[in-house]
C-alpha cells in the first residue's frame, strides 16, 4: 500500500529541485547574454558579430523562458502538495465527526 502521507513532502522536494534548476538555467542565460560582442571585440570577425550576437541573445532568451517555466512547475508542485495536505486534513475531520456506533 502506498504511503500517501509522504506525497506532499515528495512533491515539495521535487519543487525544490525545479527551483534549483530554474536558478541554474537563469544563471546560464545571464552568462550567455554576457557573451555578446562589440565590433571592437570581434576584430577580424566583424562581419559575423551580428549573427553571433543574435545567437547569444536567442540562447539567453530561451534560458530566461525556461527558468520561468521551471519556476511555474515548482509552484504547481507546491500547490498540489497543499491540496494533498488539505484533503488529508478534511478526511481526518470527517472521520472524527462520525458518531459513535458507526
N, C-alpha and C. Protein backbone atom coordinates (compact mmCIF):
# COMPACT_ATOMS: atom_id res chain seq x y z
N UNK A 1 0.84 -1.18 0.00
CA UNK A 1 0.00 0.00 0.00
C UNK A 1 0.89 1.25 0.00
N UNK A 2 0.49 2.21 -0.75
CA UNK A 2 1.28 3.45 -0.87
C UNK A 2 1.19 4.27 0.40
N UNK A 3 2.26 4.99 0.69
CA UNK A 3 2.30 5.89 1.84
C UNK A 3 1.88 7.28 1.36
N UNK A 4 0.58 7.56 1.45
CA UNK A 4 0.05 8.82 0.94
C UNK A 4 0.51 10.01 1.77
N UNK A 5 0.90 9.78 3.00
CA UNK A 5 1.37 10.88 3.84
C UNK A 5 2.68 11.46 3.32
N UNK A 6 3.42 10.66 2.58
CA UNK A 6 4.71 11.11 2.05
C UNK A 6 4.56 11.92 0.77
N UNK A 7 3.40 11.88 0.15
CA UNK A 7 3.22 12.55 -1.14
C UNK A 7 3.50 14.05 -1.07
N UNK A 8 2.93 14.79 -0.11
CA UNK A 8 3.23 16.24 -0.09
C UNK A 8 4.72 16.53 0.08
N UNK A 9 5.38 15.79 0.93
CA UNK A 9 6.82 16.01 1.13
C UNK A 9 7.60 15.71 -0.15
N UNK A 10 7.20 14.65 -0.85
CA UNK A 10 7.86 14.31 -2.12
C UNK A 10 7.62 15.40 -3.16
N UNK A 11 6.41 15.92 -3.21
CA UNK A 11 6.10 16.99 -4.15
C UNK A 11 6.92 18.25 -3.84
N UNK A 12 7.03 18.56 -2.57
CA UNK A 12 7.81 19.74 -2.19
C UNK A 12 9.30 19.54 -2.47
N UNK A 13 9.78 18.31 -2.32
CA UNK A 13 11.18 18.02 -2.66
C UNK A 13 11.41 18.21 -4.16
N UNK A 14 10.46 17.76 -4.96
CA UNK A 14 10.55 17.95 -6.41
C UNK A 14 10.47 19.44 -6.76
N UNK A 15 9.63 20.18 -6.05
CA UNK A 15 9.51 21.63 -6.28
C UNK A 15 10.84 22.32 -6.00
N UNK A 16 11.51 21.90 -4.92
CA UNK A 16 12.84 22.46 -4.61
C UNK A 16 13.83 22.18 -5.73
N UNK A 17 13.75 20.96 -6.30
CA UNK A 17 14.62 20.60 -7.42
C UNK A 17 14.38 21.54 -8.60
N UNK A 18 13.11 21.76 -8.95
CA UNK A 18 12.80 22.62 -10.09
C UNK A 18 13.22 24.06 -9.83
N UNK A 19 13.09 24.50 -8.58
CA UNK A 19 13.55 25.86 -8.23
C UNK A 19 15.06 25.98 -8.42
N UNK A 20 15.79 24.96 -8.00
CA UNK A 20 17.25 24.97 -8.17
C UNK A 20 17.61 24.98 -9.64
N UNK A 21 16.93 24.16 -10.43
CA UNK A 21 17.21 24.13 -11.86
C UNK A 21 16.84 25.45 -12.53
N UNK A 22 15.80 26.09 -12.03
CA UNK A 22 15.42 27.41 -12.55
C UNK A 22 16.54 28.41 -12.33
N UNK A 23 17.11 28.39 -11.12
CA UNK A 23 18.22 29.29 -10.82
C UNK A 23 19.44 28.98 -11.70
N UNK A 24 19.71 27.69 -11.90
CA UNK A 24 20.84 27.30 -12.75
C UNK A 24 20.64 27.77 -14.19
N UNK A 25 19.43 27.58 -14.69
CA UNK A 25 19.14 27.98 -16.07
C UNK A 25 19.19 29.49 -16.21
N UNK A 26 18.71 30.20 -15.21
CA UNK A 26 18.77 31.66 -15.22
C UNK A 26 20.22 32.13 -15.25
N UNK A 27 21.04 31.49 -14.46
CA UNK A 27 22.47 31.83 -14.43
C UNK A 27 23.12 31.56 -15.78
N UNK A 28 22.77 30.45 -16.40
CA UNK A 28 23.31 30.13 -17.73
C UNK A 28 22.88 31.19 -18.75
N UNK A 29 21.63 31.63 -18.65
CA UNK A 29 21.14 32.66 -19.56
C UNK A 29 21.87 33.97 -19.39
N UNK A 30 22.16 34.32 -18.14
CA UNK A 30 22.91 35.54 -17.89
C UNK A 30 24.33 35.42 -18.44
N UNK A 31 24.91 34.25 -18.29
CA UNK A 31 26.25 34.03 -18.84
C UNK A 31 26.25 34.12 -20.36
N UNK A 32 25.23 33.55 -20.99
CA UNK A 32 25.13 33.62 -22.45
C UNK A 32 24.94 35.06 -22.90
N UNK A 33 24.12 35.81 -22.17
CA UNK A 33 23.90 37.21 -22.52
C UNK A 33 25.16 38.04 -22.41
N UNK A 34 26.03 37.66 -21.49
CA UNK A 34 27.28 38.39 -21.29
C UNK A 34 28.29 38.11 -22.40
N UNK A 35 28.01 37.15 -23.25
CA UNK A 35 28.94 36.78 -24.32
C UNK A 35 28.78 37.62 -25.58
N UNK A 36 27.83 38.55 -25.61
CA UNK A 36 27.69 39.40 -26.80
C UNK A 36 28.97 40.23 -26.98
N UNK A 37 29.26 40.53 -28.23
CA UNK A 37 30.50 41.25 -28.54
C UNK A 37 30.21 42.53 -29.29
N UNK A 38 31.12 43.45 -29.16
CA UNK A 38 31.08 44.68 -29.95
C UNK A 38 31.97 44.49 -31.18
N UNK A 39 31.89 45.43 -32.12
CA UNK A 39 32.74 45.35 -33.30
C UNK A 39 34.21 45.36 -32.93
N UNK A 40 34.57 46.10 -31.94
CA UNK A 40 35.96 46.18 -31.49
C UNK A 40 36.44 44.83 -30.97
N UNK A 41 35.60 44.14 -30.22
CA UNK A 41 35.97 42.85 -29.67
C UNK A 41 36.05 41.79 -30.76
N UNK A 42 35.26 41.93 -31.82
CA UNK A 42 35.23 40.94 -32.88
C UNK A 42 36.44 40.95 -33.78
N UNK A 43 37.09 42.10 -33.88
CA UNK A 43 38.28 42.20 -34.70
C UNK A 43 38.06 41.74 -36.12
N UNK A 44 38.80 40.74 -36.54
CA UNK A 44 38.71 40.23 -37.91
C UNK A 44 37.36 39.61 -38.24
N UNK A 45 36.61 39.22 -37.24
CA UNK A 45 35.33 38.56 -37.45
C UNK A 45 34.15 39.54 -37.37
N UNK A 46 34.44 40.82 -37.62
CA UNK A 46 33.45 41.87 -37.51
C UNK A 46 32.16 41.54 -38.26
N UNK A 47 32.28 40.95 -39.43
CA UNK A 47 31.11 40.66 -40.27
C UNK A 47 30.20 39.62 -39.63
N UNK A 48 30.73 38.80 -38.75
CA UNK A 48 29.94 37.73 -38.14
C UNK A 48 29.33 38.12 -36.79
N UNK A 49 29.68 39.28 -36.29
CA UNK A 49 29.24 39.66 -34.95
C UNK A 49 27.73 39.73 -34.83
N UNK A 50 27.05 40.26 -35.84
CA UNK A 50 25.59 40.36 -35.78
C UNK A 50 24.93 39.00 -35.59
N UNK A 51 25.35 38.02 -36.38
CA UNK A 51 24.80 36.67 -36.25
C UNK A 51 25.17 36.05 -34.90
N UNK A 52 26.39 36.27 -34.48
CA UNK A 52 26.85 35.74 -33.20
C UNK A 52 26.02 36.34 -32.06
N UNK A 53 25.85 37.65 -32.07
CA UNK A 53 25.08 38.31 -31.01
C UNK A 53 23.61 37.88 -31.03
N UNK A 54 23.08 37.68 -32.23
CA UNK A 54 21.70 37.18 -32.34
C UNK A 54 21.59 35.81 -31.68
N UNK A 55 22.58 34.97 -31.89
CA UNK A 55 22.60 33.64 -31.28
C UNK A 55 22.70 33.70 -29.77
N UNK A 56 23.56 34.55 -29.25
CA UNK A 56 23.70 34.64 -27.80
C UNK A 56 22.43 35.20 -27.16
N UNK A 57 21.80 36.17 -27.84
CA UNK A 57 20.53 36.71 -27.32
C UNK A 57 19.44 35.65 -27.35
N UNK A 58 19.41 34.84 -28.41
CA UNK A 58 18.42 33.77 -28.53
C UNK A 58 18.59 32.76 -27.40
N UNK A 59 19.82 32.35 -27.15
CA UNK A 59 20.09 31.39 -26.07
C UNK A 59 19.72 32.00 -24.72
N UNK A 60 20.07 33.24 -24.53
CA UNK A 60 19.73 33.93 -23.28
C UNK A 60 18.21 33.99 -23.08
N UNK A 61 17.48 34.30 -24.15
CA UNK A 61 16.02 34.36 -24.07
C UNK A 61 15.42 32.98 -23.77
N UNK A 62 15.96 31.94 -24.41
CA UNK A 62 15.47 30.58 -24.13
C UNK A 62 15.70 30.20 -22.68
N UNK A 63 16.86 30.54 -22.16
CA UNK A 63 17.16 30.24 -20.76
C UNK A 63 16.22 31.00 -19.82
N UNK A 64 15.95 32.25 -20.13
CA UNK A 64 15.04 33.04 -19.30
C UNK A 64 13.62 32.44 -19.33
N UNK A 65 13.17 32.07 -20.52
CA UNK A 65 11.84 31.45 -20.65
C UNK A 65 11.79 30.11 -19.92
N UNK A 66 12.84 29.32 -20.08
CA UNK A 66 12.90 28.02 -19.40
C UNK A 66 12.93 28.18 -17.90
N UNK A 67 13.67 29.17 -17.42
CA UNK A 67 13.74 29.43 -15.99
C UNK A 67 12.36 29.77 -15.44
N UNK A 68 11.61 30.60 -16.15
CA UNK A 68 10.25 30.95 -15.72
C UNK A 68 9.34 29.73 -15.72
N UNK A 69 9.49 28.87 -16.73
CA UNK A 69 8.68 27.65 -16.79
C UNK A 69 9.02 26.72 -15.62
N UNK A 70 10.31 26.61 -15.30
CA UNK A 70 10.72 25.77 -14.17
C UNK A 70 10.14 26.30 -12.86
N UNK A 71 10.12 27.63 -12.71
CA UNK A 71 9.51 28.22 -11.51
C UNK A 71 8.02 27.86 -11.45
N UNK A 72 7.35 27.89 -12.59
CA UNK A 72 5.93 27.54 -12.64
C UNK A 72 5.71 26.08 -12.25
N UNK A 73 6.60 25.20 -12.69
CA UNK A 73 6.50 23.79 -12.33
C UNK A 73 6.64 23.63 -10.82
N UNK A 74 7.63 24.30 -10.24
CA UNK A 74 7.82 24.24 -8.78
C UNK A 74 6.59 24.75 -8.04
N UNK A 75 6.03 25.85 -8.51
CA UNK A 75 4.84 26.41 -7.87
C UNK A 75 3.65 25.45 -7.97
N UNK A 76 3.49 24.82 -9.13
CA UNK A 76 2.38 23.87 -9.31
C UNK A 76 2.55 22.67 -8.38
N UNK A 77 3.78 22.20 -8.22
CA UNK A 77 4.01 21.08 -7.30
C UNK A 77 3.68 21.46 -5.87
N UNK A 78 4.05 22.67 -5.47
CA UNK A 78 3.73 23.13 -4.11
C UNK A 78 2.22 23.27 -3.90
N UNK A 79 1.53 23.75 -4.91
CA UNK A 79 0.07 23.87 -4.83
C UNK A 79 -0.55 22.48 -4.65
N UNK A 80 -0.07 21.51 -5.42
CA UNK A 80 -0.60 20.16 -5.30
C UNK A 80 -0.28 19.54 -3.95
N UNK A 81 0.89 19.83 -3.42
CA UNK A 81 1.23 19.34 -2.08
C UNK A 81 0.24 19.91 -1.06
N UNK A 82 -0.11 21.18 -1.22
CA UNK A 82 -1.10 21.80 -0.35
C UNK A 82 -2.46 21.14 -0.47
N UNK A 83 -2.85 20.79 -1.71
CA UNK A 83 -4.13 20.11 -1.91
C UNK A 83 -4.14 18.75 -1.21
N UNK A 84 -3.02 18.01 -1.32
CA UNK A 84 -2.92 16.72 -0.64
C UNK A 84 -3.06 16.89 0.87
N UNK A 85 -2.37 17.88 1.42
CA UNK A 85 -2.45 18.13 2.87
C UNK A 85 -3.87 18.50 3.28
N UNK A 86 -4.51 19.36 2.48
CA UNK A 86 -5.88 19.77 2.81
C UNK A 86 -6.83 18.59 2.72
N UNK A 87 -6.69 17.76 1.69
CA UNK A 87 -7.56 16.59 1.54
C UNK A 87 -7.35 15.64 2.72
N UNK A 88 -6.11 15.48 3.14
CA UNK A 88 -5.82 14.62 4.28
C UNK A 88 -6.47 15.18 5.55
N UNK A 89 -6.35 16.49 5.75
CA UNK A 89 -6.96 17.12 6.93
C UNK A 89 -8.48 16.99 6.88
N UNK A 90 -9.07 17.17 5.69
CA UNK A 90 -10.52 17.04 5.54
C UNK A 90 -10.97 15.62 5.86
N UNK A 91 -10.20 14.62 5.43
CA UNK A 91 -10.54 13.23 5.70
C UNK A 91 -10.50 12.94 7.20
N UNK A 92 -9.50 13.47 7.88
CA UNK A 92 -9.41 13.28 9.32
C UNK A 92 -10.61 13.93 10.01
N UNK A 93 -10.97 15.13 9.57
CA UNK A 93 -12.12 15.81 10.15
C UNK A 93 -13.40 15.00 9.96
N UNK A 94 -13.56 14.40 8.79
CA UNK A 94 -14.75 13.58 8.53
C UNK A 94 -14.76 12.35 9.42
N UNK A 95 -13.61 11.71 9.60
CA UNK A 95 -13.54 10.52 10.44
C UNK A 95 -13.81 10.86 11.90
N UNK A 96 -13.31 11.99 12.34
CA UNK A 96 -13.50 12.40 13.73
C UNK A 96 -14.97 12.73 14.00
N UNK A 97 -15.67 13.21 12.99
CA UNK A 97 -17.05 13.64 13.17
C UNK A 97 -18.05 12.49 13.02
N UNK A 98 -17.61 11.27 12.75
CA UNK A 98 -18.50 10.14 12.64
C UNK A 98 -19.03 9.80 14.04
N UNK A 99 -20.36 9.70 14.20
CA UNK A 99 -20.92 9.42 15.51
C UNK A 99 -20.55 8.01 15.99
N UNK A 100 -20.56 7.83 17.29
CA UNK A 100 -20.28 6.52 17.86
C UNK A 100 -21.31 5.52 17.35
N UNK A 101 -20.88 4.32 17.19
CA UNK A 101 -21.79 3.27 16.74
C UNK A 101 -21.73 3.02 15.25
N UNK A 102 -20.95 3.76 14.55
CA UNK A 102 -20.82 3.52 13.11
C UNK A 102 -19.49 2.93 12.79
